[in-house]
Amino acid sequence: MKKFAAAHLEIGAFGKWAGSAPFTGSYAEEQFNSLNSFVFTNAQIQDQTVRWSFVPAEIRSIFPQIN
């Protein structure tokens, strides 16, 4: 790991951020955007490509002034 970290200096900045990042307590509080896309075809043989996005019913901002 030390050799990898020495070759990738950005790992230090990430470690500093991750140590104080405002992580949520549950995935139920996180928005999820799918990586996969799907193609739906209607009765007129027209295709529509879509991606899923799940948004929690209540979004809590990590910035208190926005809540």
N, C-alpha and C. Protein backbone atom coordinates (compact mmCIF):
# COMPACT_ATOMS: atom_id res chain seq x y z
N MET A 1 0.82 -1.18 0.00
CA MET A 1 0.00 0.00 0.00
C MET A 1 0.87 1.26 0.00
N LYS A 2 1.97 1.22 0.72
CA LYS A 2 2.86 2.39 0.77
C LYS A 2 3.41 2.72 -0.62
N LYS A 3 3.75 1.69 -1.38
CA LYS A 3 4.28 1.91 -2.73
C LYS A 3 3.20 2.52 -3.63
N PHE A 4 1.98 2.02 -3.52
CA PHE A 4 0.86 2.55 -4.31
C PHE A 4 0.60 4.01 -3.94
N ALA A 5 0.55 4.31 -2.65
CA ALA A 5 0.30 5.68 -2.19
C ALA A 5 1.40 6.63 -2.65
N ALA A 6 2.63 6.16 -2.67
CA ALA A 6 3.74 7.00 -3.13
C ALA A 6 3.62 7.30 -4.62
N ALA A 7 3.06 6.37 -5.38
CA ALA A 7 2.90 6.56 -6.82
C ALA A 7 1.64 7.35 -7.17
N HIS A 8 0.70 7.46 -6.23
CA HIS A 8 -0.57 8.15 -6.46
C HIS A 8 -0.80 9.18 -5.35
N LEU A 9 -0.18 10.33 -5.49
CA LEU A 9 -0.21 11.35 -4.44
C LEU A 9 -1.62 11.85 -4.12
N GLU A 10 -2.54 11.73 -5.07
CA GLU A 10 -3.92 12.19 -4.83
C GLU A 10 -4.61 11.39 -3.73
N ILE A 11 -4.06 10.26 -3.37
CA ILE A 11 -4.67 9.44 -2.32
C ILE A 11 -4.64 10.18 -0.98
N GLY A 12 -3.67 11.05 -0.78
CA GLY A 12 -3.60 11.83 0.46
C GLY A 12 -4.74 12.81 0.57
N ALA A 13 -5.06 13.49 -0.53
CA ALA A 13 -6.18 14.44 -0.52
C ALA A 13 -7.49 13.70 -0.30
N PHE A 14 -7.63 12.54 -0.92
CA PHE A 14 -8.86 11.76 -0.70
C PHE A 14 -8.97 11.31 0.75
N GLY A 15 -7.88 10.86 1.33
CA GLY A 15 -7.90 10.42 2.72
C GLY A 15 -8.29 11.55 3.67
N LYS A 16 -7.79 12.74 3.40
CA LYS A 16 -8.14 13.90 4.22
C LYS A 16 -9.63 14.21 4.10
N TRP A 17 -10.15 14.19 2.86
CA TRP A 17 -11.58 14.43 2.65
C TRP A 17 -12.42 13.34 3.31
N ALA A 18 -12.07 12.08 3.11
CA ALA A 18 -12.85 10.97 3.64
C ALA A 18 -12.91 10.97 5.16
N GLY A 19 -11.88 11.51 5.80
CA GLY A 19 -11.86 11.57 7.25
C GLY A 19 -12.87 12.52 7.85
N SER A 20 -13.34 13.48 7.04
CA SER A 20 -14.30 14.45 7.57
C SER A 20 -15.56 14.55 6.70
N ALA A 21 -15.72 13.64 5.76
CA ALA A 21 -16.87 13.68 4.84
C ALA A 21 -18.18 13.45 5.59
N PRO A 22 -19.25 14.14 5.18
CA PRO A 22 -20.54 13.99 5.87
C PRO A 22 -21.32 12.79 5.34
N PHE A 23 -20.86 11.58 5.66
CA PHE A 23 -21.55 10.38 5.19
C PHE A 23 -22.89 10.24 5.89
N THR A 24 -23.86 9.70 5.17
CA THR A 24 -25.17 9.46 5.77
C THR A 24 -25.14 8.17 6.57
N GLY A 25 -26.13 7.97 7.41
CA GLY A 25 -26.20 6.79 8.24
C GLY A 25 -26.78 5.58 7.53
N SER A 26 -27.36 5.79 6.34
CA SER A 26 -28.04 4.69 5.66
C SER A 26 -28.10 4.97 4.16
N TYR A 27 -28.06 3.91 3.37
CA TYR A 27 -28.24 4.06 1.92
C TYR A 27 -29.66 4.54 1.60
N ALA A 28 -30.58 4.39 2.52
CA ALA A 28 -31.96 4.86 2.31
C ALA A 28 -32.01 6.38 2.20
N GLU A 29 -30.96 7.05 2.62
CA GLU A 29 -30.90 8.51 2.56
C GLU A 29 -30.12 9.01 1.35
N GLU A 30 -29.66 8.12 0.49
CA GLU A 30 -28.82 8.49 -0.65
C GLU A 30 -29.57 8.35 -1.97
N GLN A 31 -29.34 9.27 -2.88
CA GLN A 31 -29.86 9.13 -4.23
C GLN A 31 -29.00 8.11 -4.97
N PHE A 32 -29.63 7.30 -5.80
CA PHE A 32 -28.92 6.31 -6.60
C PHE A 32 -29.24 6.53 -8.07
N ASN A 33 -28.22 6.67 -8.88
CA ASN A 33 -28.37 6.79 -10.32
C ASN A 33 -27.73 5.56 -10.96
N SER A 34 -28.52 4.81 -11.72
CA SER A 34 -28.01 3.56 -12.28
C SER A 34 -26.95 3.82 -13.34
N LEU A 35 -26.09 2.86 -13.50
CA LEU A 35 -25.08 2.91 -14.55
C LEU A 35 -25.60 2.27 -15.83
N ASN A 36 -26.47 1.28 -15.66
CA ASN A 36 -27.01 0.56 -16.81
C ASN A 36 -28.17 1.32 -17.42
N SER A 37 -28.33 1.19 -18.73
CA SER A 37 -29.49 1.78 -19.39
C SER A 37 -30.34 0.64 -19.95
N PHE A 38 -31.60 0.93 -20.17
CA PHE A 38 -32.55 -0.05 -20.67
C PHE A 38 -33.31 0.56 -21.84
N VAL A 39 -33.73 -0.27 -22.77
CA VAL A 39 -34.48 0.20 -23.92
C VAL A 39 -35.89 -0.34 -23.83
N PHE A 40 -36.87 0.56 -23.79
CA PHE A 40 -38.28 0.19 -23.83
C PHE A 40 -38.79 0.42 -25.24
N THR A 41 -39.59 -0.51 -25.73
CA THR A 41 -40.17 -0.38 -27.07
C THR A 41 -41.68 -0.34 -26.94
N ASN A 42 -42.29 0.70 -27.53
CA ASN A 42 -43.75 0.84 -27.43
C ASN A 42 -44.46 0.08 -28.56
N ALA A 43 -45.77 0.17 -28.62
CA ALA A 43 -46.58 -0.56 -29.60
C ALA A 43 -46.29 -0.11 -31.03
N GLN A 44 -45.77 1.11 -31.20
CA GLN A 44 -45.44 1.63 -32.54
C GLN A 44 -43.99 1.28 -32.93
N ILE A 45 -43.36 0.40 -32.16
CA ILE A 45 -41.99 -0.03 -32.37
C ILE A 45 -41.01 1.15 -32.29
N GLN A 46 -41.26 2.06 -31.39
CA GLN A 46 -40.36 3.18 -31.12
C GLN A 46 -39.60 2.88 -29.83
N ASP A 47 -38.31 3.01 -29.90
CA ASP A 47 -37.47 2.73 -28.74
C ASP A 47 -37.25 3.98 -27.90
N GLN A 48 -37.20 3.78 -26.59
CA GLN A 48 -36.87 4.85 -25.66
C GLN A 48 -35.85 4.30 -24.67
N THR A 49 -34.67 4.89 -24.64
CA THR A 49 -33.63 4.46 -23.72
C THR A 49 -33.79 5.22 -22.40
N VAL A 50 -33.70 4.49 -21.30
CA VAL A 50 -33.88 5.10 -19.98
C VAL A 50 -32.79 4.63 -19.03
N ARG A 51 -32.61 5.41 -17.97
CA ARG A 51 -31.79 5.02 -16.82
C ARG A 51 -32.61 5.26 -15.58
N TRP A 52 -32.41 4.42 -14.58
CA TRP A 52 -33.14 4.56 -13.32
C TRP A 52 -32.44 5.55 -12.42
N SER A 53 -33.24 6.23 -11.64
CA SER A 53 -32.74 7.10 -10.58
C SER A 53 -33.69 6.96 -9.41
N PHE A 54 -33.17 6.54 -8.28
CA PHE A 54 -33.98 6.41 -7.06
C PHE A 54 -33.65 7.58 -6.15
N VAL A 55 -34.67 8.30 -5.75
CA VAL A 55 -34.50 9.47 -4.90
C VAL A 55 -35.27 9.22 -3.60
N PRO A 56 -34.63 9.39 -2.45
CA PRO A 56 -35.32 9.18 -1.18
C PRO A 56 -36.51 10.14 -1.03
N ALA A 57 -37.52 9.71 -0.33
CA ALA A 57 -38.71 10.55 -0.12
C ALA A 57 -38.34 11.84 0.60
N GLU A 58 -37.38 11.76 1.50
CA GLU A 58 -36.92 12.95 2.22
C GLU A 58 -35.43 13.07 1.99
N ILE A 59 -35.02 14.16 1.38
CA ILE A 59 -33.60 14.39 1.15
C ILE A 59 -33.09 15.33 2.22
N ARG A 60 -32.11 14.87 2.96
CA ARG A 60 -31.49 15.70 3.98
C ARG A 60 -30.20 16.25 3.42
N SER A 61 -30.10 17.53 3.39
CA SER A 61 -28.91 18.17 2.85
C SER A 61 -27.76 18.04 3.84
N ILE A 62 -26.55 17.94 3.30
CA ILE A 62 -25.37 17.93 4.17
C ILE A 62 -25.00 19.34 4.60
N PHE A 63 -25.71 20.33 4.02
CA PHE A 63 -25.49 21.72 4.38
C PHE A 63 -26.68 22.21 5.19
N PRO A 64 -26.56 22.44 6.48
CA PRO A 64 -27.70 22.79 7.34
C PRO A 64 -28.52 23.96 6.84
N GLN A 65 -27.94 24.96 6.23
CA GLN A 65 -28.70 26.13 5.79
C GLN A 65 -29.62 25.81 4.61
N ILE A 66 -29.46 24.66 3.97
CA ILE A 66 -30.30 24.29 2.83
C ILE A 66 -31.48 23.45 3.27
N ASN A 67 -31.42 22.82 4.41
CA ASN A 67 -32.50 21.92 4.88
C ASN A 67 -33.83 22.61 4.92
